[in-house]
Amino acid sequence: MNSGRTLELTPVDAATDACCEPSGQPTIDTYEAQLRASVFKALADPNRLRLLSIVKGSEGGEACVCDLTEPLSLGQPTVSHHLKILVDAGLLHREKRGTWAYYSLVPGAIERTTGLLESL
């Protein structure tokens, strides 16, 4: 249904029709964004959140890998994989004692993690 009207398009002058002025606030660089994303990826799994909770609530603030499989109903290789991701993200510390590995929260890791979004 053409009514015989034509639509005229006019070129947009980018200099005069900018939607807003740049904020001038600094942004995080690519490297920093990747570091922050690795922490969020580590936290994006329910089993890893549970592992952090168990370690944090453990007597003495540490837990042996042998004590972490039963609460999650997961096999030791799967639990070890999740723990490695948490260690690589800087959330847990791993200490080898004999044949067992013990995990504890990295001091200040929870506070730094909560600050990741606040500092954007």
N, C-alpha and C. Protein backbone atom coordinates (compact mmCIF):
# COMPACT_ATOMS: atom_id res chain seq x y z
N MET A 1 0.84 -1.18 0.00
CA MET A 1 0.00 0.00 0.00
C MET A 1 0.88 1.23 0.00
N ASN A 2 1.16 1.74 -1.18
CA ASN A 2 1.98 2.92 -1.34
C ASN A 2 1.08 4.11 -1.50
N SER A 3 1.22 5.10 -0.66
CA SER A 3 0.37 6.28 -0.71
C SER A 3 0.94 7.35 -1.61
N GLY A 4 2.08 7.05 -2.25
CA GLY A 4 2.68 8.01 -3.14
C GLY A 4 3.66 8.92 -2.43
N ARG A 5 3.80 8.78 -1.14
CA ARG A 5 4.76 9.60 -0.39
C ARG A 5 6.12 8.93 -0.44
N THR A 6 7.14 9.73 -0.45
CA THR A 6 8.49 9.20 -0.38
C THR A 6 9.13 9.64 0.93
N LEU A 7 9.93 8.79 1.46
CA LEU A 7 10.62 9.07 2.70
C LEU A 7 11.98 9.61 2.36
N GLU A 8 12.27 10.79 2.86
CA GLU A 8 13.57 11.38 2.60
C GLU A 8 14.49 11.08 3.76
N LEU A 9 15.64 10.53 3.44
CA LEU A 9 16.66 10.26 4.45
C LEU A 9 17.74 11.32 4.32
N THR A 10 18.11 11.86 5.46
CA THR A 10 19.17 12.86 5.43
C THR A 10 20.38 12.29 6.15
N PRO A 11 21.56 12.63 5.69
CA PRO A 11 22.77 12.12 6.34
C PRO A 11 22.86 12.69 7.76
N VAL A 12 23.40 11.89 8.66
CA VAL A 12 23.56 12.29 10.05
C VAL A 12 24.97 12.81 10.23
N ASP A 13 25.05 13.98 10.80
CA ASP A 13 26.35 14.57 11.09
C ASP A 13 26.77 14.06 12.47
N ALA A 14 27.76 13.19 12.50
CA ALA A 14 28.18 12.55 13.75
C ALA A 14 28.67 13.56 14.78
N ALA A 15 29.24 14.64 14.34
CA ALA A 15 29.77 15.62 15.29
C ALA A 15 28.66 16.37 16.01
N THR A 16 27.56 16.64 15.33
CA THR A 16 26.50 17.42 15.95
C THR A 16 25.40 16.56 16.55
N ASP A 17 25.27 15.30 16.10
CA ASP A 17 24.19 14.46 16.57
C ASP A 17 24.66 13.33 17.48
N ALA A 18 25.80 13.52 18.13
CA ALA A 18 26.29 12.49 19.05
C ALA A 18 25.28 12.35 20.19
N CYS A 19 25.08 11.12 20.64
CA CYS A 19 24.06 10.89 21.66
C CYS A 19 24.47 11.47 23.01
N CYS A 20 25.74 11.47 23.29
CA CYS A 20 26.20 12.00 24.57
C CYS A 20 27.71 12.19 24.55
N GLU A 21 28.18 12.89 25.52
CA GLU A 21 29.62 13.12 25.64
C GLU A 21 30.25 11.90 26.31
N PRO A 22 31.47 11.54 25.93
CA PRO A 22 32.15 10.46 26.63
C PRO A 22 32.31 10.79 28.10
N SER A 23 32.20 9.79 28.94
CA SER A 23 32.23 10.02 30.38
C SER A 23 33.61 10.41 30.87
N GLY A 24 34.64 9.98 30.16
CA GLY A 24 35.98 10.31 30.58
C GLY A 24 36.48 9.45 31.74
N GLN A 25 35.66 8.55 32.20
CA GLN A 25 36.06 7.68 33.30
C GLN A 25 36.91 6.54 32.75
N PRO A 26 37.94 6.15 33.48
CA PRO A 26 38.78 5.06 32.99
C PRO A 26 38.04 3.74 32.99
N THR A 27 38.39 2.89 32.05
CA THR A 27 37.82 1.56 31.98
C THR A 27 38.93 0.55 32.27
N ILE A 28 38.54 -0.65 32.62
CA ILE A 28 39.57 -1.66 32.84
C ILE A 28 40.10 -2.14 31.50
N ASP A 29 41.36 -2.48 31.48
CA ASP A 29 41.95 -2.95 30.23
C ASP A 29 41.62 -4.43 30.00
N THR A 30 42.01 -4.93 28.86
CA THR A 30 41.69 -6.30 28.48
C THR A 30 42.24 -7.32 29.46
N TYR A 31 43.48 -7.12 29.88
CA TYR A 31 44.11 -8.06 30.82
C TYR A 31 43.35 -8.11 32.14
N GLU A 32 43.02 -6.95 32.69
CA GLU A 32 42.28 -6.89 33.95
C GLU A 32 40.90 -7.53 33.80
N ALA A 33 40.25 -7.30 32.68
CA ALA A 33 38.94 -7.91 32.44
C ALA A 33 39.05 -9.43 32.40
N GLN A 34 40.11 -9.95 31.80
CA GLN A 34 40.30 -11.39 31.75
C GLN A 34 40.54 -11.97 33.15
N LEU A 35 41.33 -11.27 33.97
CA LEU A 35 41.57 -11.73 35.34
C LEU A 35 40.27 -11.78 36.13
N ARG A 36 39.49 -10.73 36.02
CA ARG A 36 38.21 -10.69 36.75
C ARG A 36 37.26 -11.76 36.24
N ALA A 37 37.22 -11.96 34.95
CA ALA A 37 36.34 -12.97 34.37
C ALA A 37 36.72 -14.37 34.85
N SER A 38 38.01 -14.63 35.03
CA SER A 38 38.43 -15.95 35.49
C SER A 38 37.89 -16.23 36.90
N VAL A 39 37.84 -15.21 37.73
CA VAL A 39 37.27 -15.38 39.07
C VAL A 39 35.77 -15.65 38.97
N PHE A 40 35.08 -14.88 38.16
CA PHE A 40 33.64 -15.07 38.02
C PHE A 40 33.31 -16.43 37.40
N LYS A 41 34.13 -16.87 36.45
CA LYS A 41 33.93 -18.20 35.87
C LYS A 41 34.11 -19.28 36.92
N ALA A 42 35.10 -19.10 37.77
CA ALA A 42 35.34 -20.08 38.83
C ALA A 42 34.15 -20.14 39.79
N LEU A 43 33.53 -19.01 40.03
CA LEU A 43 32.39 -18.96 40.96
C LEU A 43 31.07 -19.34 40.31
N ALA A 44 31.06 -19.49 39.00
CA ALA A 44 29.81 -19.74 38.28
C ALA A 44 29.35 -21.19 38.32
N ASP A 45 30.00 -22.01 39.10
CA ASP A 45 29.63 -23.42 39.20
C ASP A 45 29.15 -23.71 40.62
N PRO A 46 27.98 -24.32 40.77
CA PRO A 46 27.44 -24.60 42.12
C PRO A 46 28.36 -25.49 42.97
N ASN A 47 29.02 -26.45 42.35
CA ASN A 47 29.92 -27.31 43.12
C ASN A 47 31.11 -26.53 43.66
N ARG A 48 31.62 -25.59 42.88
CA ARG A 48 32.75 -24.80 43.34
C ARG A 48 32.32 -23.84 44.45
N LEU A 49 31.12 -23.31 44.36
CA LEU A 49 30.61 -22.46 45.45
C LEU A 49 30.48 -23.28 46.73
N ARG A 50 30.00 -24.49 46.59
CA ARG A 50 29.87 -25.37 47.76
C ARG A 50 31.24 -25.71 48.34
N LEU A 51 32.22 -25.96 47.48
CA LEU A 51 33.57 -26.25 47.96
C LEU A 51 34.13 -25.07 48.75
N LEU A 52 33.95 -23.87 48.24
CA LEU A 52 34.42 -22.68 48.97
C LEU A 52 33.74 -22.59 50.33
N SER A 53 32.46 -22.85 50.35
CA SER A 53 31.70 -22.79 51.59
C SER A 53 32.19 -23.83 52.59
N ILE A 54 32.45 -25.04 52.11
CA ILE A 54 32.92 -26.11 52.99
C ILE A 54 34.30 -25.77 53.55
N VAL A 55 35.20 -25.33 52.69
CA VAL A 55 36.54 -24.98 53.14
C VAL A 55 36.49 -23.84 54.15
N LYS A 56 35.71 -22.82 53.84
CA LYS A 56 35.60 -21.66 54.73
C LYS A 56 35.05 -22.07 56.09
N GLY A 57 34.10 -22.98 56.12
CA GLY A 57 33.47 -23.40 57.36
C GLY A 57 34.18 -24.52 58.09
N SER A 58 35.26 -25.04 57.51
CA SER A 58 35.97 -26.15 58.13
C SER A 58 36.74 -25.69 59.36
N GLU A 59 36.90 -26.64 60.28
CA GLU A 59 37.66 -26.37 61.49
C GLU A 59 39.09 -25.99 61.09
N GLY A 60 39.57 -24.92 61.63
CA GLY A 60 40.91 -24.46 61.29
C GLY A 60 40.99 -23.75 59.96
N GLY A 61 39.87 -23.62 59.26
CA GLY A 61 39.85 -22.91 57.98
C GLY A 61 40.51 -23.65 56.84
N GLU A 62 40.68 -24.96 56.99
CA GLU A 62 41.24 -25.75 55.90
C GLU A 62 40.56 -27.10 55.85
N ALA A 63 40.62 -27.71 54.66
CA ALA A 63 39.99 -29.02 54.47
C ALA A 63 40.87 -29.87 53.57
N CYS A 64 40.90 -31.16 53.91
CA CYS A 64 41.62 -32.13 53.09
C CYS A 64 40.73 -32.52 51.91
N VAL A 65 41.35 -32.75 50.78
CA VAL A 65 40.58 -33.16 49.60
C VAL A 65 39.79 -34.43 49.91
N CYS A 66 40.32 -35.27 50.79
CA CYS A 66 39.63 -36.51 51.14
C CYS A 66 38.30 -36.25 51.85
N ASP A 67 38.14 -35.06 52.44
CA ASP A 67 36.91 -34.71 53.14
C ASP A 67 35.92 -33.93 52.26
N LEU A 68 36.28 -33.69 51.02
CA LEU A 68 35.45 -32.85 50.16
C LEU A 68 34.64 -33.64 49.14
N THR A 69 34.92 -34.90 48.96
CA THR A 69 34.20 -35.67 47.96
C THR A 69 32.81 -36.08 48.44
N GLU A 70 32.71 -36.54 49.68
CA GLU A 70 31.43 -37.03 50.18
C GLU A 70 30.34 -35.96 50.24
N PRO A 71 30.63 -34.77 50.75
CA PRO A 71 29.55 -33.76 50.83
C PRO A 71 28.98 -33.38 49.46
N LEU A 72 29.79 -33.50 48.41
CA LEU A 72 29.33 -33.14 47.07
C LEU A 72 28.83 -34.33 46.28
N SER A 73 29.01 -35.54 46.81
CA SER A 73 28.66 -36.77 46.10
C SER A 73 29.29 -36.81 44.71
N LEU A 74 30.56 -36.39 44.67
CA LEU A 74 31.33 -36.41 43.42
C LEU A 74 32.58 -37.24 43.63
N GLY A 75 33.13 -37.74 42.55
CA GLY A 75 34.36 -38.49 42.63
C GLY A 75 35.55 -37.59 42.90
N GLN A 76 36.62 -38.19 43.39
CA GLN A 76 37.82 -37.42 43.73
C GLN A 76 38.41 -36.68 42.52
N PRO A 77 38.48 -37.28 41.32
CA PRO A 77 39.01 -36.53 40.18
C PRO A 77 38.19 -35.28 39.85
N THR A 78 36.88 -35.38 39.96
CA THR A 78 36.01 -34.22 39.68
C THR A 78 36.21 -33.13 40.72
N VAL A 79 36.27 -33.52 41.98
CA VAL A 79 36.49 -32.55 43.05
C VAL A 79 37.86 -31.89 42.87
N SER A 80 38.87 -32.67 42.55
CA SER A 80 40.21 -32.12 42.33
C SER A 80 40.22 -31.12 41.18
N HIS A 81 39.47 -31.42 40.13
CA HIS A 81 39.36 -30.49 38.99
C HIS A 81 38.76 -29.17 39.44
N HIS A 82 37.67 -29.23 40.19
CA HIS A 82 37.03 -28.00 40.68
C HIS A 82 37.96 -27.22 41.61
N LEU A 83 38.69 -27.93 42.46
CA LEU A 83 39.63 -27.27 43.37
C LEU A 83 40.75 -26.59 42.60
N LYS A 84 41.22 -27.21 41.54
CA LYS A 84 42.28 -26.61 40.73
C LYS A 84 41.81 -25.29 40.12
N ILE A 85 40.59 -25.26 39.66
CA ILE A 85 40.04 -24.03 39.08
C ILE A 85 39.98 -22.93 40.15
N LEU A 86 39.58 -23.29 41.36
CA LEU A 86 39.51 -22.31 42.45
C LEU A 86 40.91 -21.83 42.85
N VAL A 87 41.88 -22.72 42.82
CA VAL A 87 43.27 -22.32 43.11
C VAL A 87 43.78 -21.39 42.02
N ASP A 88 43.56 -21.76 40.75
CA ASP A 88 44.02 -20.95 39.62
C ASP A 88 43.38 -19.56 39.61
N ALA A 89 42.17 -19.45 40.14
CA ALA A 89 41.48 -18.16 40.21
C ALA A 89 41.93 -17.33 41.41
N GLY A 90 42.81 -17.90 42.24
CA GLY A 90 43.33 -17.15 43.38
C GLY A 90 42.41 -17.15 44.59
N LEU A 91 41.47 -18.08 44.64
CA LEU A 91 40.52 -18.12 45.75
C LEU A 91 40.94 -19.10 46.84
N LEU A 92 41.57 -20.20 46.45
CA LEU A 92 42.03 -21.19 47.42
C LEU A 92 43.54 -21.37 47.32
N HIS A 93 44.10 -21.77 48.46
CA HIS A 93 45.51 -22.12 48.55
C HIS A 93 45.60 -23.63 48.74
N ARG A 94 46.55 -24.27 48.07
CA ARG A 94 46.74 -25.72 48.15
C ARG A 94 48.07 -26.01 48.82
N GLU A 95 48.03 -26.91 49.80
CA GLU A 95 49.26 -27.34 50.47
C GLU A 95 49.30 -28.87 50.48
N LYS A 96 50.36 -29.41 49.93
CA LYS A 96 50.53 -30.87 49.86
C LYS A 96 51.16 -31.34 51.17
N ARG A 97 50.52 -32.35 51.78
CA ARG A 97 51.05 -32.97 53.00
C ARG A 97 51.01 -34.48 52.79
N GLY A 98 52.16 -35.05 52.54
CA GLY A 98 52.20 -36.48 52.24
C GLY A 98 51.46 -36.76 50.95
N THR A 99 50.51 -37.66 51.02
CA THR A 99 49.75 -37.99 49.81
C THR A 99 48.49 -37.16 49.66
N TRP A 100 48.17 -36.33 50.65
CA TRP A 100 46.93 -35.56 50.62
C TRP A 100 47.21 -34.08 50.37
N ALA A 101 46.23 -33.41 49.80
CA ALA A 101 46.29 -31.96 49.60
C ALA A 101 45.26 -31.31 50.51
N TYR A 102 45.68 -30.23 51.13
CA TYR A 102 44.80 -29.46 52.02
C TYR A 102 44.56 -28.10 51.40
N TYR A 103 43.32 -27.64 51.51
CA TYR A 103 42.92 -26.39 50.89
C TYR A 103 42.44 -25.41 51.95
N SER A 104 42.80 -24.14 51.74
CA SER A 104 42.34 -23.07 52.61
C SER A 104 42.06 -21.84 51.75
N LEU A 105 41.26 -20.94 52.27
CA LEU A 105 40.98 -19.70 51.55
C LEU A 105 42.23 -18.85 51.50
N VAL A 106 42.48 -18.23 50.38
CA VAL A 106 43.56 -17.27 50.28
C VAL A 106 43.13 -16.06 51.11
N PRO A 107 44.00 -15.59 52.02
CA PRO A 107 43.61 -14.43 52.85
C PRO A 107 43.18 -13.25 51.98
N GLY A 108 42.02 -12.70 52.28
CA GLY A 108 41.49 -11.55 51.57
C GLY A 108 40.80 -11.86 50.25
N ALA A 109 40.77 -13.13 49.85
CA ALA A 109 40.21 -13.48 48.53
C ALA A 109 38.73 -13.14 48.43
N ILE A 110 37.97 -13.41 49.47
CA ILE A 110 36.54 -13.11 49.44
C ILE A 110 36.31 -11.61 49.34
N GLU A 111 37.06 -10.85 50.11
CA GLU A 111 36.91 -9.39 50.08
C GLU A 111 37.31 -8.82 48.72
N ARG A 112 38.41 -9.33 48.15
CA ARG A 112 38.82 -8.86 46.82
C ARG A 112 37.77 -9.21 45.76
N THR A 113 37.17 -10.39 45.91
CA THR A 113 36.16 -10.83 44.95
C THR A 113 34.94 -9.93 45.01
N THR A 114 34.51 -9.58 46.21
CA THR A 114 33.36 -8.68 46.31
C THR A 114 33.68 -7.29 45.76
N GLY A 115 34.94 -6.91 45.79
CA GLY A 115 35.33 -5.61 45.28
C GLY A 115 35.48 -5.57 43.77
N LEU A 116 35.49 -6.74 43.10
CA LEU A 116 35.68 -6.75 41.65
C LEU A 116 34.59 -6.00 40.91
N LEU A 117 33.36 -6.16 41.34
CA LEU A 117 32.27 -5.45 40.69
C LEU A 117 32.18 -4.00 41.14
N GLU A 118 32.47 -3.77 42.41
CA GLU A 118 32.40 -2.42 42.93
C GLU A 118 33.40 -1.48 42.25
N SER A 119 34.52 -2.04 41.80
CA SER A 119 35.58 -1.19 41.22
C SER A 119 35.42 -0.99 39.72
N LEU A 120 34.34 -1.46 39.14
CA LEU A 120 34.15 -1.24 37.69
C LEU A 120 33.89 0.22 37.39
